[in-house]
PDB file of N, CA and C in Angstrom:
ATOM      1  N   MET A   1       7.108  -8.176  -5.571  1.00  0.00           N
ATOM      2  CA  MET A   1       6.541  -7.804  -4.309  1.00  0.00           C
ATOM      3  C   MET A   1       5.034  -7.663  -4.484  1.00  0.00           C
ATOM      4  N   LYS A   2       4.319  -8.347  -3.598  1.00  0.00           N
ATOM      5  CA  LYS A   2       2.870  -8.366  -3.663  1.00  0.00           C
ATOM      6  C   LYS A   2       2.331  -8.498  -2.244  1.00  0.00           C
ATOM      7  N   VAL A   3       1.202  -7.867  -1.966  1.00  0.00           N
ATOM      8  CA  VAL A   3       0.578  -7.990  -0.653  1.00  0.00           C
ATOM      9  C   VAL A   3      -0.101  -9.352  -0.565  1.00  0.00           C
ATOM     10  N   SER A   4       0.232 -10.102   0.473  1.00  0.00           N
ATOM     11  CA  SER A   4      -0.423 -11.397   0.670  1.00  0.00           C
ATOM     12  C   SER A   4      -1.504 -11.324   1.738  1.00  0.00           C
ATOM     13  N   GLU A   5      -1.399 -10.334   2.637  1.00  0.00           N
ATOM     14  CA  GLU A   5      -2.428 -10.171   3.670  1.00  0.00           C
ATOM     15  C   GLU A   5      -2.515  -8.714   4.091  1.00  0.00           C
ATOM     16  N   LEU A   6      -3.726  -8.246   4.259  1.00  0.00           N
ATOM     17  CA  LEU A   6      -3.990  -6.870   4.671  1.00  0.00           C
ATOM     18  C   LEU A   6      -5.125  -6.919   5.674  1.00  0.00           C
ATOM     19  N   LYS A   7      -4.922  -6.298   6.838  1.00  0.00           N
ATOM     20  CA  LYS A   7      -5.939  -6.355   7.878  1.00  0.00           C
ATOM     21  C   LYS A   7      -6.066  -5.003   8.557  1.00  0.00           C
ATOM     22  N   TYR A   8      -7.293  -4.501   8.594  1.00  0.00           N
ATOM     23  CA  TYR A   8      -7.595  -3.276   9.328  1.00  0.00           C
ATOM     24  C   TYR A   8      -7.539  -3.603  10.813  1.00  0.00           C
ATOM     25  N   LEU A   9      -6.808  -2.800  11.587  1.00  0.00           N
ATOM     26  CA  LEU A   9      -6.686  -3.031  13.023  1.00  0.00           C
ATOM     27  C   LEU A   9      -7.636  -2.128  13.805  1.00  0.00           C
ATOM     28  N   ARG A  10      -7.393  -0.834  13.761  1.00  0.00           N
ATOM     29  CA  ARG A  10      -8.228   0.159  14.439  1.00  0.00           C
ATOM     30  C   ARG A  10      -7.785   1.537  13.954  1.00  0.00           C
ATOM     31  N   ASP A  11      -8.648   2.505  14.192  1.00  0.00           N
ATOM     32  CA  ASP A  11      -8.374   3.868  13.763  1.00  0.00           C
ATOM     33  C   ASP A  11      -7.866   3.831  12.317  1.00  0.00           C
ATOM     34  N   TYR A  12      -6.663   4.252  12.053  1.00  0.00           N
ATOM     35  CA  TYR A  12      -6.121   4.223  10.690  1.00  0.00           C
ATOM     36  C   TYR A  12      -4.893   3.315  10.605  1.00  0.00           C
ATOM     37  N   LEU A  13      -4.839   2.338  11.496  1.00  0.00           N
ATOM     38  CA  LEU A  13      -3.729   1.380  11.521  1.00  0.00           C
ATOM     39  C   LEU A  13      -4.095   0.129  10.738  1.00  0.00           C
ATOM     40  N   VAL A  14      -3.146  -0.306   9.908  1.00  0.00           N
ATOM     41  CA  VAL A  14      -3.359  -1.453   9.040  1.00  0.00           C
ATOM     42  C   VAL A  14      -2.149  -2.376   9.136  1.00  0.00           C
ATOM     43  N   SER A  15      -2.408  -3.653   9.313  1.00  0.00           N
ATOM     44  CA  SER A  15      -1.348  -4.658   9.298  1.00  0.00           C
ATOM     45  C   SER A  15      -1.210  -5.157   7.863  1.00  0.00           C
ATOM     46  N   ILE A  16       0.031  -5.257   7.405  1.00  0.00           N
ATOM     47  CA  ILE A  16       0.275  -5.675   6.027  1.00  0.00           C
ATOM     48  C   ILE A  16       1.405  -6.687   5.989  1.00  0.00           C
ATOM     49  N   THR A  17       1.208  -7.725   5.175  1.00  0.00           N
ATOM     50  CA  THR A  17       2.221  -8.751   4.971  1.00  0.00           C
ATOM     51  C   THR A  17       2.441  -8.900   3.471  1.00  0.00           C
ATOM     52  N   PHE A  18       3.701  -8.931   3.080  1.00  0.00           N
ATOM     53  CA  PHE A  18       4.057  -9.093   1.674  1.00  0.00           C
ATOM     54  C   PHE A  18       4.451 -10.538   1.398  1.00  0.00           C
ATOM     55  N   ASP A  19       4.418 -10.924   0.149  1.00  0.00           N
ATOM     56  CA  ASP A  19       4.688 -12.315  -0.225  1.00  0.00           C
ATOM     57  C   ASP A  19       6.128 -12.755   0.032  1.00  0.00           C
ATOM     58  N   ASP A  20       7.027 -11.806   0.333  1.00  0.00           N
ATOM     59  CA  ASP A  20       8.408 -12.176   0.654  1.00  0.00           C
ATOM     60  C   ASP A  20       8.636 -12.286   2.165  1.00  0.00           C
ATOM     61  N   GLY A  21       7.543 -12.185   2.951  1.00  0.00           N
ATOM     62  CA  GLY A  21       7.636 -12.324   4.396  1.00  0.00           C
ATOM     63  C   GLY A  21       7.769 -11.021   5.160  1.00  0.00           C
ATOM     64  N   ILE A  22       8.014  -9.913   4.469  1.00  0.00           N
ATOM     65  CA  ILE A  22       8.083  -8.606   5.121  1.00  0.00           C
ATOM     66  C   ILE A  22       6.698  -8.284   5.671  1.00  0.00           C
ATOM     67  N   THR A  23       6.660  -7.856   6.931  1.00  0.00           N
ATOM     68  CA  THR A  23       5.385  -7.546   7.569  1.00  0.00           C
ATOM     69  C   THR A  23       5.539  -6.318   8.453  1.00  0.00           C
ATOM     70  N   GLY A  24       4.450  -5.611   8.662  1.00  0.00           N
ATOM     71  CA  GLY A  24       4.493  -4.439   9.505  1.00  0.00           C
ATOM     72  C   GLY A  24       3.122  -3.828   9.686  1.00  0.00           C
ATOM     73  N   ILE A  25       3.087  -2.778  10.474  1.00  0.00           N
ATOM     74  CA  ILE A  25       1.856  -2.028  10.710  1.00  0.00           C
ATOM     75  C   ILE A  25       2.078  -0.615  10.184  1.00  0.00           C
ATOM     76  N   ILE A  26       1.142  -0.146   9.383  1.00  0.00           N
ATOM     77  CA  ILE A  26       1.238   1.199   8.830  1.00  0.00           C
ATOM     78  C   ILE A  26       0.127   2.076   9.406  1.00  0.00           C
ATOM     79  N   ASN A  27       0.464   3.321   9.618  1.00  0.00           N
ATOM     80  CA  ASN A  27      -0.483   4.304  10.117  1.00  0.00           C
ATOM     81  C   ASN A  27      -0.825   5.228   8.955  1.00  0.00           C
ATOM     82  N   LEU A  28      -2.052   5.164   8.486  1.00  0.00           N
ATOM     83  CA  LEU A  28      -2.473   5.966   7.338  1.00  0.00           C
ATOM     84  C   LEU A  28      -3.289   7.187   7.749  1.00  0.00           C
ATOM     85  N   SER A  29      -3.124   7.637   9.000  1.00  0.00           N
ATOM     86  CA  SER A  29      -3.900   8.783   9.474  1.00  0.00           C
ATOM     87  C   SER A  29      -3.582  10.059   8.694  1.00  0.00           C
ATOM     88  N   ASP A  30      -2.349  10.236   8.219  1.00  0.00           N
ATOM     89  CA  ASP A  30      -2.019  11.423   7.425  1.00  0.00           C
ATOM     90  C   ASP A  30      -2.718  11.400   6.067  1.00  0.00           C
ATOM     91  N   LEU A  31      -2.894  10.208   5.520  1.00  0.00           N
ATOM     92  CA  LEU A  31      -3.518  10.061   4.199  1.00  0.00           C
ATOM     93  C   LEU A  31      -4.916  10.670   4.159  1.00  0.00           C
ATOM     94  N   VAL A  32      -5.690  10.479   5.227  1.00  0.00           N
ATOM     95  CA  VAL A  32      -7.092  10.908   5.228  1.00  0.00           C
ATOM     96  C   VAL A  32      -7.266  12.425   5.324  1.00  0.00           C
ATOM     97  N   ASN A  33      -6.163  13.140   5.396  1.00  0.00           N
ATOM     98  CA  ASN A  33      -6.225  14.602   5.465  1.00  0.00           C
ATOM     99  C   ASN A  33      -5.921  15.268   4.127  1.00  0.00           C
ATOM    100  N   HIS A  34      -5.817  14.471   3.052  1.00  0.00           N
ATOM    101  CA  HIS A  34      -5.393  15.018   1.764  1.00  0.00           C
ATOM    102  C   HIS A  34      -6.292  14.580   0.608  1.00  0.00           C
ATOM    103  N   GLY A  35      -6.669  15.562  -0.202  1.00  0.00           N
ATOM    104  CA  GLY A  35      -7.350  15.318  -1.467  1.00  0.00           C
ATOM    105  C   GLY A  35      -8.561  14.411  -1.372  1.00  0.00           C
ATOM    106  N   ILE A  36      -8.640  13.494  -2.331  1.00  0.00           N
ATOM    107  CA  ILE A  36      -9.796  12.605  -2.414  1.00  0.00           C
ATOM    108  C   ILE A  36      -9.888  11.635  -1.246  1.00  0.00           C
ATOM    109  N   PHE A  37      -8.797  11.495  -0.488  1.00  0.00           N
ATOM    110  CA  PHE A  37      -8.786  10.554   0.626  1.00  0.00           C
ATOM    111  C   PHE A  37      -9.479  11.091   1.880  1.00  0.00           C
ATOM    112  N   THR A  38      -9.900  12.365   1.887  1.00  0.00           N
ATOM    113  CA  THR A  38     -10.567  12.918   3.072  1.00  0.00           C
ATOM    114  C   THR A  38     -11.870  12.189   3.393  1.00  0.00           C
ATOM    115  N   VAL A  39     -12.494  11.556   2.395  1.00  0.00           N
ATOM    116  CA  VAL A  39     -13.717  10.786   2.670  1.00  0.00           C
ATOM    117  C   VAL A  39     -13.433   9.613   3.608  1.00  0.00           C
ATOM    118  N   LEU A  40     -12.159   9.212   3.691  1.00  0.00           N
ATOM    119  CA  LEU A  40     -11.784   8.086   4.551  1.00  0.00           C
ATOM    120  C   LEU A  40     -11.654   8.479   6.017  1.00  0.00           C
ATOM    121  N   LYS A  41     -11.936   9.748   6.347  1.00  0.00           N
ATOM    122  CA  LYS A  41     -12.006  10.130   7.762  1.00  0.00           C
ATOM    123  C   LYS A  41     -13.133   9.359   8.448  1.00  0.00           C
ATOM    124  N   ASP A  42     -14.120   8.951   7.646  1.00  0.00           N
ATOM    125  CA  ASP A  42     -15.184   8.067   8.132  1.00  0.00           C
ATOM    126  C   ASP A  42     -14.551   6.699   8.379  1.00  0.00           C
ATOM    127  N   LYS A  43     -14.329   6.360   9.648  1.00  0.00           N
ATOM    128  CA  LYS A  43     -13.610   5.132   9.989  1.00  0.00           C
ATOM    129  C   LYS A  43     -14.328   3.872   9.526  1.00  0.00           C
ATOM    130  N   GLU A  44     -15.642   3.935   9.427  1.00  0.00           N
ATOM    131  CA  GLU A  44     -16.373   2.762   8.916  1.00  0.00           C
ATOM    132  C   GLU A  44     -16.017   2.515   7.458  1.00  0.00           C
ATOM    133  N   LEU A  45     -15.950   3.582   6.676  1.00  0.00           N
ATOM    134  CA  LEU A  45     -15.541   3.461   5.275  1.00  0.00           C
ATOM    135  C   LEU A  45     -14.080   3.033   5.194  1.00  0.00           C
ATOM    136  N   PHE A  46     -13.218   3.639   6.018  1.00  0.00           N
ATOM    137  CA  PHE A  46     -11.799   3.274   6.017  1.00  0.00           C
ATOM    138  C   PHE A  46     -11.612   1.788   6.324  1.00  0.00           C
ATOM    139  N   SER A  47     -12.428   1.251   7.219  1.00  0.00           N
ATOM    140  CA  SER A  47     -12.283  -0.148   7.635  1.00  0.00           C
ATOM    141  C   SER A  47     -12.583  -1.142   6.512  1.00  0.00           C
ATOM    142  N   LYS A  48     -13.145  -0.677   5.415  1.00  0.00           N
ATOM    143  CA  LYS A  48     -13.462  -1.547   4.278  1.00  0.00           C
ATOM    144  C   LYS A  48     -12.262  -1.706   3.337  1.00  0.00           C
ATOM    145  N   ILE A  49     -11.084  -1.475   3.854  1.00  0.00           N
ATOM    146  CA  ILE A  49      -9.825  -1.566   3.113  1.00  0.00           C
ATOM    147  C   ILE A  49      -9.634  -2.976   2.544  1.00  0.00           C
ATOM    148  N   TYR A  50      -9.070  -3.053   1.342  1.00  0.00           N
ATOM    149  CA  TYR A  50      -8.766  -4.345   0.726  1.00  0.00           C
ATOM    150  C   TYR A  50      -7.550  -4.182  -0.181  1.00  0.00           C
ATOM    151  N   THR A  51      -7.084  -5.291  -0.723  1.00  0.00           N
ATOM    152  CA  THR A  51      -5.926  -5.227  -1.619  1.00  0.00           C
ATOM    153  C   THR A  51      -6.167  -6.048  -2.877  1.00  0.00           C
ATOM    154  N   SER A  52      -5.580  -5.577  -3.962  1.00  0.00           N
ATOM    155  CA  SER A  52      -5.546  -6.336  -5.209  1.00  0.00           C
ATOM    156  C   SER A  52      -4.241  -7.131  -5.274  1.00  0.00           C
ATOM    157  N   GLY A  53      -3.392  -6.914  -4.283  1.00  0.00           N
ATOM    158  CA  GLY A  53      -2.053  -7.490  -4.276  1.00  0.00           C
ATOM    159  C   GLY A  53      -1.014  -6.441  -4.621  1.00  0.00           C
ATOM    160  N   TYR A  54      -1.385  -5.488  -5.464  1.00  0.00           N
ATOM    161  CA  TYR A  54      -0.453  -4.454  -5.905  1.00  0.00           C
ATOM    162  C   TYR A  54      -0.859  -3.055  -5.460  1.00  0.00           C
ATOM    163  N   SER A  55      -1.998  -2.948  -4.797  1.00  0.00           N
ATOM    164  CA  SER A  55      -2.444  -1.660  -4.273  1.00  0.00           C
ATOM    165  C   SER A  55      -3.246  -1.895  -2.995  1.00  0.00           C
ATOM    166  N   ILE A  56      -3.380  -0.824  -2.236  1.00  0.00           N
ATOM    167  CA  ILE A  56      -4.261  -0.809  -1.075  1.00  0.00           C
ATOM    168  C   ILE A  56      -5.450   0.031  -1.506  1.00  0.00           C
ATOM    169  N   SER A  57      -6.650  -0.502  -1.372  1.00  0.00           N
ATOM    170  CA  SER A  57      -7.816   0.147  -1.975  1.00  0.00           C
ATOM    171  C   SER A  57      -9.004   0.233  -1.036  1.00  0.00           C
ATOM    172  N   TRP A  58      -9.876   1.174  -1.367  1.00  0.00           N
ATOM    173  CA  TRP A  58     -11.184   1.286  -0.739  1.00  0.00           C
ATOM    174  C   TRP A  58     -12.255   1.295  -1.824  1.00  0.00           C
ATOM    175  N   SER A  59     -11.865   1.602  -3.038  1.00  0.00           N
ATOM    176  CA  SER A  59     -12.733   1.576  -4.215  1.00  0.00           C
ATOM    177  C   SER A  59     -11.831   1.681  -5.443  1.00  0.00           C
ATOM    178  N   ASP A  60     -12.426   1.684  -6.613  1.00  0.00           N
ATOM    179  CA  ASP A  60     -11.634   1.838  -7.842  1.00  0.00           C
ATOM    180  C   ASP A  60     -10.976   3.218  -7.917  1.00  0.00           C
ATOM    181  N   GLN A  61     -11.571   4.205  -7.275  1.00  0.00           N
ATOM    182  CA  GLN A  61     -11.033   5.559  -7.313  1.00  0.00           C
ATOM    183  C   GLN A  61     -10.115   5.871  -6.122  1.00  0.00           C
ATOM    184  N   LEU A  62     -10.196   5.095  -5.070  1.00  0.00           N
ATOM    185  CA  LEU A  62      -9.408   5.340  -3.861  1.00  0.00           C
ATOM    186  C   LEU A  62      -8.443   4.193  -3.635  1.00  0.00           C
ATOM    187  N   GLU A  63      -7.224   4.386  -4.119  1.00  0.00           N
ATOM    188  CA  GLU A  63      -6.214   3.353  -3.942  1.00  0.00           C
ATOM    189  C   GLU A  63      -4.833   3.985  -3.921  1.00  0.00           C
ATOM    190  N   ILE A  64      -3.915   3.276  -3.254  1.00  0.00           N
ATOM    191  CA  ILE A  64      -2.522   3.712  -3.230  1.00  0.00           C
ATOM    192  C   ILE A  64      -1.651   2.526  -3.633  1.00  0.00           C
ATOM    193  N   ASP A  65      -0.576   2.830  -4.314  1.00  0.00           N
ATOM    194  CA  ASP A  65       0.382   1.814  -4.740  1.00  0.00           C
ATOM    195  C   ASP A  65       1.146   1.307  -3.518  1.00  0.00           C
ATOM    196  N   ILE A  66       1.487   0.033  -3.508  1.00  0.00           N
ATOM    197  CA  ILE A  66       2.153  -0.536  -2.340  1.00  0.00           C
ATOM    198  C   ILE A  66       3.649  -0.274  -2.291  1.00  0.00           C
ATOM    199  N   ALA A  67       4.246   0.260  -3.353  1.00  0.00           N
ATOM    200  CA  ALA A  67       5.701   0.438  -3.394  1.00  0.00           C
ATOM    201  C   ALA A  67       6.207   1.311  -2.255  1.00  0.00           C
ATOM    202  N   GLU A  68       5.561   2.432  -2.014  1.00  0.00           N
ATOM    203  CA  GLU A  68       6.016   3.322  -0.941  1.00  0.00           C
ATOM    204  C   GLU A  68       5.824   2.670   0.434  1.00  0.00           C
ATOM    205  N   VAL A  69       4.719   1.964   0.607  1.00  0.00           N
ATOM    206  CA  VAL A  69       4.454   1.262   1.868  1.00  0.00           C
ATOM    207  C   VAL A  69       5.516   0.191   2.094  1.00  0.00           C
ATOM    208  N   TYR A  70       5.823  -0.566   1.048  1.00  0.00           N
ATOM    209  CA  TYR A  70       6.851  -1.610   1.151  1.00  0.00           C
ATOM    210  C   TYR A  70       8.199  -0.990   1.509  1.00  0.00           C
ATOM    211  N   SER A  71       8.536   0.103   0.872  1.00  0.00           N
ATOM    212  CA  SER A  71       9.797   0.782   1.134  1.00  0.00           C
ATOM    213  C   SER A  71       9.885   1.237   2.589  1.00  0.00           C
ATOM    214  N   GLU A  72       8.804   1.807   3.095  1.00  0.00           N
ATOM    215  CA  GLU A  72       8.782   2.295   4.475  1.00  0.00           C
ATOM    216  C   GLU A  72       8.928   1.140   5.480  1.00  0.00           C
ATOM    217  N   ILE A  73       8.227   0.048   5.246  1.00  0.00           N
ATOM    218  CA  ILE A  73       8.261  -1.081   6.180  1.00  0.00           C
ATOM    219  C   ILE A  73       9.574  -1.851   6.091  1.00  0.00           C
ATOM    220  N   SER A  74      10.061  -2.063   4.882  1.00  0.00           N
ATOM    221  CA  SER A  74      11.261  -2.891   4.689  1.00  0.00           C
ATOM    222  C   SER A  74      12.559  -2.117   4.882  1.00  0.00           C
ATOM    223  N   GLY A  75      12.500  -0.793   4.730  1.00  0.00           N
ATOM    224  CA  GLY A  75      13.710   0.016   4.805  1.00  0.00           C
ATOM    225  C   GLY A  75      14.516  -0.018   3.517  1.00  0.00           C
ATOM    226  N   LYS A  76      13.954  -0.624   2.479  1.00  0.00           N
ATOM    227  CA  LYS A  76      14.634  -0.703   1.181  1.00  0.00           C
ATOM    228  C   LYS A  76      14.220   0.459   0.295  1.00  0.00           C
ATOM    229  N   ASN A  77      15.130   0.908  -0.543  1.00  0.00           N
ATOM    230  CA  ASN A  77      14.820   1.924  -1.543  1.00  0.00           C
ATOM    231  C   ASN A  77      14.111   1.261  -2.714  1.00  0.00           C
ATOM    232  N   PRO A  78      13.214   1.979  -3.395  1.00  0.00           N
ATOM    233  CA  PRO A  78      12.504   1.384  -4.537  1.00  0.00           C
ATOM    234  C   PRO A  78      13.431   0.746  -5.570  1.00  0.00           C
ATOM    235  N   GLY A  79      14.599   1.317  -5.791  1.00  0.00           N
ATOM    236  CA  GLY A  79      15.550   0.733  -6.739  1.00  0.00           C
ATOM    237  C   GLY A  79      16.061  -0.627  -6.310  1.00  0.00           C
ATOM    238  N   ASP A  80      15.957  -0.920  -5.010  1.00  0.00           N
ATOM    239  CA  ASP A  80      16.397  -2.214  -4.500  1.00  0.00           C
ATOM    240  C   ASP A  80      15.428  -3.343  -4.835  1.00  0.00           C
ATOM    241  N   PHE A  81      14.154  -3.008  -5.025  1.00  0.00           N
ATOM    242  CA  PHE A  81      13.180  -4.077  -5.270  1.00  0.00           C
ATOM    243  C   PHE A  81      12.482  -3.991  -6.609  1.00  0.00           C
ATOM    244  N   PHE A  82      12.753  -2.942  -7.376  1.00  0.00           N
ATOM    245  CA  PHE A  82      12.254  -2.874  -8.744  1.00  0.00           C
ATOM    246  C   PHE A  82      13.400  -3.160  -9.696  1.00  0.00           C
ATOM    247  N   ASN A  83      13.144  -3.966 -10.683  1.00  0.00           N
ATOM    248  CA  ASN A  83      14.145  -4.245 -11.708  1.00  0.00           C
ATOM    249  C   ASN A  83      14.253  -3.012 -12.582  1.00  0.00           C
ATOM    250  N   THR A  84      15.410  -2.384 -12.570  1.00  0.00           N
ATOM    251  CA  THR A  84      15.570  -1.139 -13.322  1.00  0.00           C
ATOM    252  C   THR A  84      16.209  -1.352 -14.690  1.00  0.00           C
ATOM    253  N   ASN A  85      16.415  -2.603 -15.087  1.00  0.00           N
ATOM    254  CA  ASN A  85      16.966  -2.869 -16.422  1.00  0.00           C
ATOM    255  C   ASN A  85      15.953  -2.489 -17.487  1.00  0.00           C
ATOM    256  N   ILE A  86      16.391  -1.761 -18.464  1.00  0.00           N
ATOM    257  CA  ILE A  86      15.514  -1.357 -19.564  1.00  0.00           C
ATOM    258  C   ILE A  86      15.948  -2.136 -20.799  1.00  0.00           C
ATOM    259  N   PHE A  87      14.985  -2.763 -21.416  1.00  0.00           N
ATOM    260  CA  PHE A  87      15.254  -3.546 -22.599  1.00  0.00           C
ATOM    261  C   PHE A  87      14.686  -2.834 -23.803  1.00  0.00           C
ATOM    262  N   HIS A  88      15.423  -2.857 -24.893  1.00  0.00           N
ATOM    263  CA  HIS A  88      14.985  -2.228 -26.136  1.00  0.00           C
ATOM    264  C   HIS A  88      14.795  -3.310 -27.191  1.00  0.00           C
ATOM    265  N   ALA A  89      13.806  -3.122 -28.014  1.00  0.00           N
ATOM    266  CA  ALA A  89      13.612  -4.044 -29.130  1.00  0.00           C
ATOM    267  C   ALA A  89      14.717  -3.834 -30.132  1.00  0.00           C
ATOM    268  N   SER A  90      15.253  -4.921 -30.640  1.00  0.00           N
ATOM    269  CA  SER A  90      16.318  -4.787 -31.629  1.00  0.00           C
ATOM    270  C   SER A  90      15.726  -4.597 -33.024  1.00  0.00           C
ATOM    271  N   ASN A  91      16.455  -3.905 -33.867  1.00  0.00           N
ATOM    272  CA  ASN A  91      15.998  -3.658 -35.244  1.00  0.00           C
ATOM    273  C   ASN A  91      16.307  -4.834 -36.125  1.00  0.00           C
TER     274      ASN A  91
END
């Protein structure tokens, strides 16, 4: 799962499309009320949103992992889209 397109819409709404075709609009208004993300109350700064494909970012210090966003939009549990098989090196 990887973000293929991310677009700032208005206020704290962001359109997101994943490489598997899942798409949706997320409201990140709650995010800007917590911790280091409060600087994003400045909508001009918030609008500079971008993606590395695996995170939603505004800078190297301000980023969120896409797993929770994908789960919310797709309705899938993280265990459904992460490979949970653990491999051990043999002796």
